[in-house]
């Protein structure tokens, strides 16, 4: 007879997601993550200032290729992410339920809404240009065309209370329009965000387009807000005191700043404002030749 031995649990090691890779925090620090009842779930990396700088470098390196990709291609990649999430749905239902203290059915509804949101933004990638761009009427022999272009590297302070749907609702519009992102996950509930990094790594999303850090927004935020190679910041998850501090720091190099906007229900239709918040308008004048009674010189 063979003896029955108890099998040891294999605990998951959560890591950062930076530049398409999974490093531990440069500092070697971790912090305990607990569920809504105080039960230990995992140790998450406590990101340092160096980790934040590395994430900005990765985001800047990825920006040229991602912003230069066709809008159709970006839409395909976002849809692929939704496919990958669908395949790991049960894992995220469990993690979101533990993170936010939700029943399995409520957590499943949140995860389904998050997957649907990826699909929704995937459909917008090749349409937002037509909504906010176009030809301008001018008095003269010119074509005057305005087109939206991505702002650049965007720091995102993710919502604290909505660890997954809120997270996706602020990441997806940033990258859908061609920006790259450095994301500070919810400090209290970072595990769904760190698992999202595993999905992004196995999708077609180029490394560095999204970089996910866990830890204290109050520690990393000021360095990212004052970083000269960060072009914009979304303060969705910052409390009023931190938001004010980061907004002041962001003014140093004229970053675009999206102030915190209270969201009662993340499942509500998001609109386009988070996409347009991180777009710049480029206007081009092109001479058409002489237009007169005799017609065009073309």
Foldseek 3Di string as FASTA:
>chain_A
DDDDDDDDDDADDFAWAAQLDGDAAPVPDWDFAFFPVRHTRYTYGAHALVLLVRLLVLQQVCQVVLQPDALLVLLVLLLQLLVLCVVVLVVQLVLQCRHQVHDSVVSSVLSVLQSVVSNVLSVCLNPVQVVPWAWDDDPAQKTKTKGKGFQEEEEEEFAQNRQGLSRSLLLSLNSSRRYAYEYEGRQNRNVSVSVSSVSSSPTPNRGSSYTYDYHDCLRNLLSQLQDLSHAAYECQHPDPVSQVNSVVSNPPNDHQYHGHDDDPDSSPDDDNVSNVSRIDMDMDIGGQADQDPVGHPD
